Amino acid sequence: MDLELLMAILIIISIDIVLGGDNAIVIALASRNLPESQRNKAILFGTGLAVVVRILLTILAVYLLTIPYLQLIGGILLVIIALKLLISNDDDTTHIRPSVSLSAAVKTIVFADVVMGLDNVIAVAGAAHGNILLVMIGLLVSVPIIIWGSKLILYLLERFPLLVYVGSSILAYTAGNMIIHEQRLSFFYEQYPLLKASLPFIVIAFVLIIGRLFSMFKGK
């Protein structure tokens, strides 16, 4: 496995984990009122179906990103998602109610994962650059981590707030890569190769600076 492929897999896994914390909370909330045996089934069935749906959505997104200028649009959307990760304090999971039946819990987990996972789909599709195998490897590795290690992930994010900046940087780097892979802009990048090489890092700097300024403004 070459270094570039390994880096792509690590970036996809990182994106899944960073953007998957809320999904782990949904799983816990949706199944908490079920008996222990049914709770485990709800987690397994719900997560399994959610992974299948997530893979299908991401494959669709990967193909959609081959449409002219969608790489550029996807990159811009991902910059917004990276900024949102830094400046948003909204917790969408507070609207998830615990379910009293196995089927209801599974439906809640799958529906919430799809609704809350759109940012994840865009990010992973951009990082994969058309390689469906990378999408599936990233999900298969990261989903068990999210499920079984969700408490640890959330604890670390709360205990070490700077990790949020690391996550946003990964998303920003992916956004920059998506933008430079826009085929319709290749003529422009050929004229300015230095800009092409540095754009992902410029996007990282932009996201971190704007996120920091927004945090300082809110703190006043």
Protein backbone atom coordinates (compact mmCIF):
# COMPACT_ATOMS: atom_id res chain seq x y z
CA MET A 1 0.00 0.00 0.00
CA ASP A 2 1.56 3.29 -1.10
CA LEU A 3 1.77 6.33 1.15
CA GLU A 4 -0.83 8.36 -0.78
CA LEU A 5 -3.44 5.59 -0.48
CA LEU A 6 -2.69 5.15 3.22
CA MET A 7 -3.04 8.89 3.82
CA ALA A 8 -6.38 8.94 1.99
CA ILE A 9 -7.70 6.09 4.15
CA LEU A 10 -6.50 7.80 7.36
CA ILE A 11 -8.14 11.09 6.31
CA ILE A 12 -11.46 9.34 5.57
CA ILE A 13 -11.37 7.50 8.93
CA SER A 14 -10.58 10.79 10.70
CA ILE A 15 -13.49 12.54 8.97
CA ASP A 16 -15.86 9.72 9.92
CA ILE A 17 -14.78 9.86 13.57
CA VAL A 18 -14.79 13.66 13.85
CA LEU A 19 -18.22 14.01 12.25
CA GLY A 20 -19.62 10.83 13.82
CA GLY A 21 -19.78 11.89 17.47
CA ASP A 22 -23.40 13.06 17.24
CA ASN A 23 -24.40 9.81 15.58
CA ALA A 24 -23.04 7.87 18.54
CA ILE A 25 -25.21 9.98 20.87
CA VAL A 26 -28.25 9.28 18.67
CA ILE A 27 -27.65 5.54 18.98
CA ALA A 28 -27.52 5.79 22.76
CA LEU A 29 -30.60 8.03 23.04
CA ALA A 30 -32.73 6.05 20.61
CA SER A 31 -32.13 2.73 22.35
CA ARG A 32 -31.79 3.66 26.01
CA ASN A 33 -35.37 2.68 27.00
CA LEU A 34 -35.15 -0.80 25.46
CA PRO A 35 -34.31 -3.96 27.41
CA GLU A 36 -30.62 -4.86 27.33
CA SER A 37 -31.03 -7.64 24.76
CA GLN A 38 -33.11 -5.49 22.42
CA ARG A 39 -30.80 -2.53 22.95
CA ASN A 40 -27.87 -4.49 21.54
CA LYS A 41 -29.99 -5.63 18.58
CA ALA A 42 -31.13 -2.06 17.92
CA ILE A 43 -27.53 -0.87 17.90
CA LEU A 44 -26.40 -3.68 15.57
CA PHE A 45 -29.35 -3.54 13.16
CA GLY A 46 -29.67 0.23 13.20
CA THR A 47 -25.97 0.83 12.70
CA GLY A 48 -25.70 -1.90 10.06
CA LEU A 49 -28.52 -0.40 7.99
CA ALA A 50 -27.14 3.10 8.55
CA VAL A 51 -23.73 2.01 7.23
CA VAL A 52 -25.31 0.50 4.09
CA VAL A 53 -27.34 3.68 3.46
CA ARG A 54 -24.26 5.82 4.16
CA ILE A 55 -22.18 3.83 1.66
CA LEU A 56 -24.87 4.16 -1.02
CA LEU A 57 -25.21 7.91 -0.42
CA THR A 58 -21.44 8.39 -0.50
CA ILE A 59 -21.10 6.37 -3.73
CA LEU A 60 -23.82 8.56 -5.24
CA ALA A 61 -21.98 11.67 -4.02
CA VAL A 62 -18.68 10.38 -5.47
CA TYR A 63 -20.27 10.06 -8.90
CA LEU A 64 -22.07 13.39 -8.58
CA LEU A 65 -18.74 15.07 -7.88
CA THR A 66 -17.58 14.07 -11.37
CA ILE A 67 -20.10 16.59 -12.76
CA PRO A 68 -18.37 19.84 -13.84
CA TYR A 69 -17.82 22.34 -11.03
CA LEU A 70 -19.34 20.08 -8.35
CA GLN A 71 -15.85 19.46 -6.94
CA LEU A 72 -15.56 23.23 -6.50
CA ILE A 73 -19.04 23.49 -4.97
CA GLY A 74 -18.41 20.48 -2.74
CA GLY A 75 -15.14 22.01 -1.56
CA ILE A 76 -16.87 25.28 -0.66
CA LEU A 77 -19.60 23.36 1.21
CA LEU A 78 -16.93 21.46 3.10
CA VAL A 79 -15.27 24.73 4.14
CA ILE A 80 -18.64 25.78 5.60
CA ILE A 81 -18.91 22.43 7.41
CA ALA A 82 -15.39 22.84 8.83
CA LEU A 83 -16.30 26.31 10.10
CA LYS A 84 -19.55 25.00 11.55
CA LEU A 85 -17.62 22.38 13.48
CA LEU A 86 -15.65 25.17 15.16
CA ILE A 87 -18.38 27.73 15.81
CA SER A 88 -21.59 25.72 16.26
CA ASN A 89 -22.84 24.92 19.73
CA ASP A 90 -26.16 23.49 18.55
CA ASP A 91 -26.85 19.93 19.63
CA ASP A 92 -29.30 18.34 17.21
CA THR A 93 -29.39 15.17 19.26
CA THR A 94 -31.49 16.85 21.96
CA HIS A 95 -34.47 16.32 19.66
CA ILE A 96 -34.02 12.55 19.56
CA ARG A 97 -36.52 10.76 21.77
CA PRO A 98 -35.88 7.31 23.23
CA SER A 99 -37.81 4.56 21.46
CA VAL A 100 -39.88 1.88 23.18
CA SER A 101 -39.69 -0.78 20.46
CA LEU A 102 -36.86 -2.41 18.54
CA SER A 103 -38.21 -1.43 15.10
CA ALA A 104 -38.79 2.18 16.19
CA ALA A 105 -35.25 2.43 17.58
CA VAL A 106 -33.75 1.03 14.37
CA LYS A 107 -35.78 3.48 12.25
CA THR A 108 -34.70 6.39 14.47
CA ILE A 109 -31.02 5.44 14.25
CA VAL A 110 -31.09 5.05 10.46
CA PHE A 111 -33.12 8.23 9.83
CA ALA A 112 -31.01 10.35 12.17
CA ASP A 113 -27.80 8.98 10.68
CA VAL A 114 -28.91 9.92 7.17
CA VAL A 115 -30.06 13.42 8.16
CA MET A 116 -27.06 14.17 10.35
CA GLY A 117 -24.57 12.40 8.08
CA LEU A 118 -24.89 14.60 5.00
CA ASP A 119 -21.80 16.59 5.96
CA ASN A 120 -19.95 13.30 6.44
CA VAL A 121 -21.03 12.06 3.01
CA ILE A 122 -19.77 15.22 1.28
CA ALA A 123 -16.46 15.12 3.15
CA VAL A 124 -15.78 11.43 2.54
CA ALA A 125 -16.76 11.66 -1.14
CA GLY A 126 -14.32 14.53 -1.58
CA ALA A 127 -11.50 12.73 0.21
CA ALA A 128 -12.04 9.52 -1.79
CA HIS A 129 -11.65 11.21 -5.21
CA GLY A 130 -13.76 8.57 -6.93
CA ASN A 131 -12.30 5.53 -5.17
CA ILE A 132 -15.29 3.59 -3.81
CA LEU A 133 -13.01 1.08 -2.09
CA LEU A 134 -11.59 3.87 0.09
CA VAL A 135 -15.12 4.88 1.09
CA MET A 136 -16.01 1.36 2.21
CA ILE A 137 -12.69 0.78 4.02
CA GLY A 138 -13.04 4.09 5.86
CA LEU A 139 -16.60 3.33 6.98
CA LEU A 140 -15.88 -0.28 7.98
CA VAL A 141 -12.97 0.86 10.15
CA SER A 142 -14.49 4.01 11.62
CA VAL A 143 -18.06 2.88 12.37
CA PRO A 144 -17.05 0.31 15.03
CA ILE A 145 -14.80 2.98 16.56
CA ILE A 146 -17.70 5.44 16.67
CA ILE A 147 -20.07 2.87 18.21
CA TRP A 148 -17.86 1.25 20.81
CA GLY A 149 -15.54 4.19 21.44
CA SER A 150 -18.08 7.01 21.31
CA LYS A 151 -17.79 7.83 24.99
CA LEU A 152 -14.00 8.02 24.74
CA ILE A 153 -14.19 10.18 21.60
CA LEU A 154 -16.66 12.58 23.19
CA TYR A 155 -14.61 12.67 26.41
CA LEU A 156 -11.44 13.52 24.50
CA LEU A 157 -13.20 16.24 22.49
CA GLU A 158 -14.52 17.78 25.71
CA ARG A 159 -11.29 17.29 27.63
CA PHE A 160 -9.05 18.55 24.82
CA PRO A 161 -10.96 21.24 22.87
CA LEU A 162 -7.99 21.69 20.52
CA LEU A 163 -8.89 18.34 18.93
CA VAL A 164 -11.85 20.12 17.33
CA TYR A 165 -9.36 22.35 15.53
CA VAL A 166 -7.51 19.24 14.34
CA GLY A 167 -10.77 17.86 12.98
CA SER A 168 -11.62 21.14 11.26
CA SER A 169 -8.14 21.24 9.75
CA ILE A 170 -8.65 17.77 8.25
CA LEU A 171 -11.94 18.88 6.73
CA ALA A 172 -10.38 22.11 5.44
CA TYR A 173 -7.48 20.17 3.88
CA THR A 174 -9.98 17.86 2.17
CA ALA A 175 -11.94 20.90 0.93
CA GLY A 176 -8.79 22.39 -0.57
CA ASN A 177 -7.99 19.10 -2.29
CA MET A 178 -11.49 18.93 -3.73
CA ILE A 179 -11.13 22.44 -5.16
CA ILE A 180 -7.76 21.72 -6.82
CA HIS A 181 -9.19 18.51 -8.33
CA GLU A 182 -11.87 20.48 -10.19
CA GLN A 183 -11.10 19.57 -13.80
CA ARG A 184 -12.70 22.71 -15.24
CA LEU A 185 -10.14 24.81 -13.36
CA SER A 186 -7.09 22.76 -14.37
CA PHE A 187 -6.02 25.40 -16.91
CA PHE A 188 -5.89 27.96 -14.11
CA TYR A 189 -3.83 25.73 -11.80
CA GLU A 190 -1.39 25.00 -14.64
CA GLN A 191 -0.63 28.73 -14.76
CA TYR A 192 -0.23 28.97 -10.99
CA PRO A 193 1.30 25.68 -9.77
CA LEU A 194 2.40 27.24 -6.47
CA LEU A 195 -1.20 28.21 -5.69
CA LYS A 196 -2.35 24.68 -6.50
CA ALA A 197 0.21 23.18 -4.13
CA SER A 198 -0.53 25.60 -1.30
CA LEU A 199 -4.33 25.93 -1.61
CA PRO A 200 -5.23 23.15 0.88
CA PHE A 201 -3.03 24.82 3.51
CA ILE A 202 -4.48 28.26 2.68
CA VAL A 203 -7.95 26.83 3.28
CA ILE A 204 -6.80 25.37 6.61
CA ALA A 205 -5.46 28.77 7.68
CA PHE A 206 -8.67 30.50 6.57
CA VAL A 207 -10.91 28.10 8.51
CA LEU A 208 -8.81 28.24 11.69
CA ILE A 209 -8.50 32.05 11.65
CA ILE A 210 -12.20 32.65 10.95
CA GLY A 211 -13.19 30.04 13.53
CA ARG A 212 -10.91 31.59 16.13
CA LEU A 213 -12.12 35.13 15.42
CA PHE A 214 -15.73 34.00 15.68
CA SER A 215 -15.03 32.29 19.00
CA MET A 216 -13.35 35.45 20.33
CA PHE A 217 -16.29 37.57 19.16
CA LYS A 218 -18.80 35.27 20.86
CA GLY A 219 -16.74 35.35 24.03
CA LYS A 220 -17.12 39.12 24.39
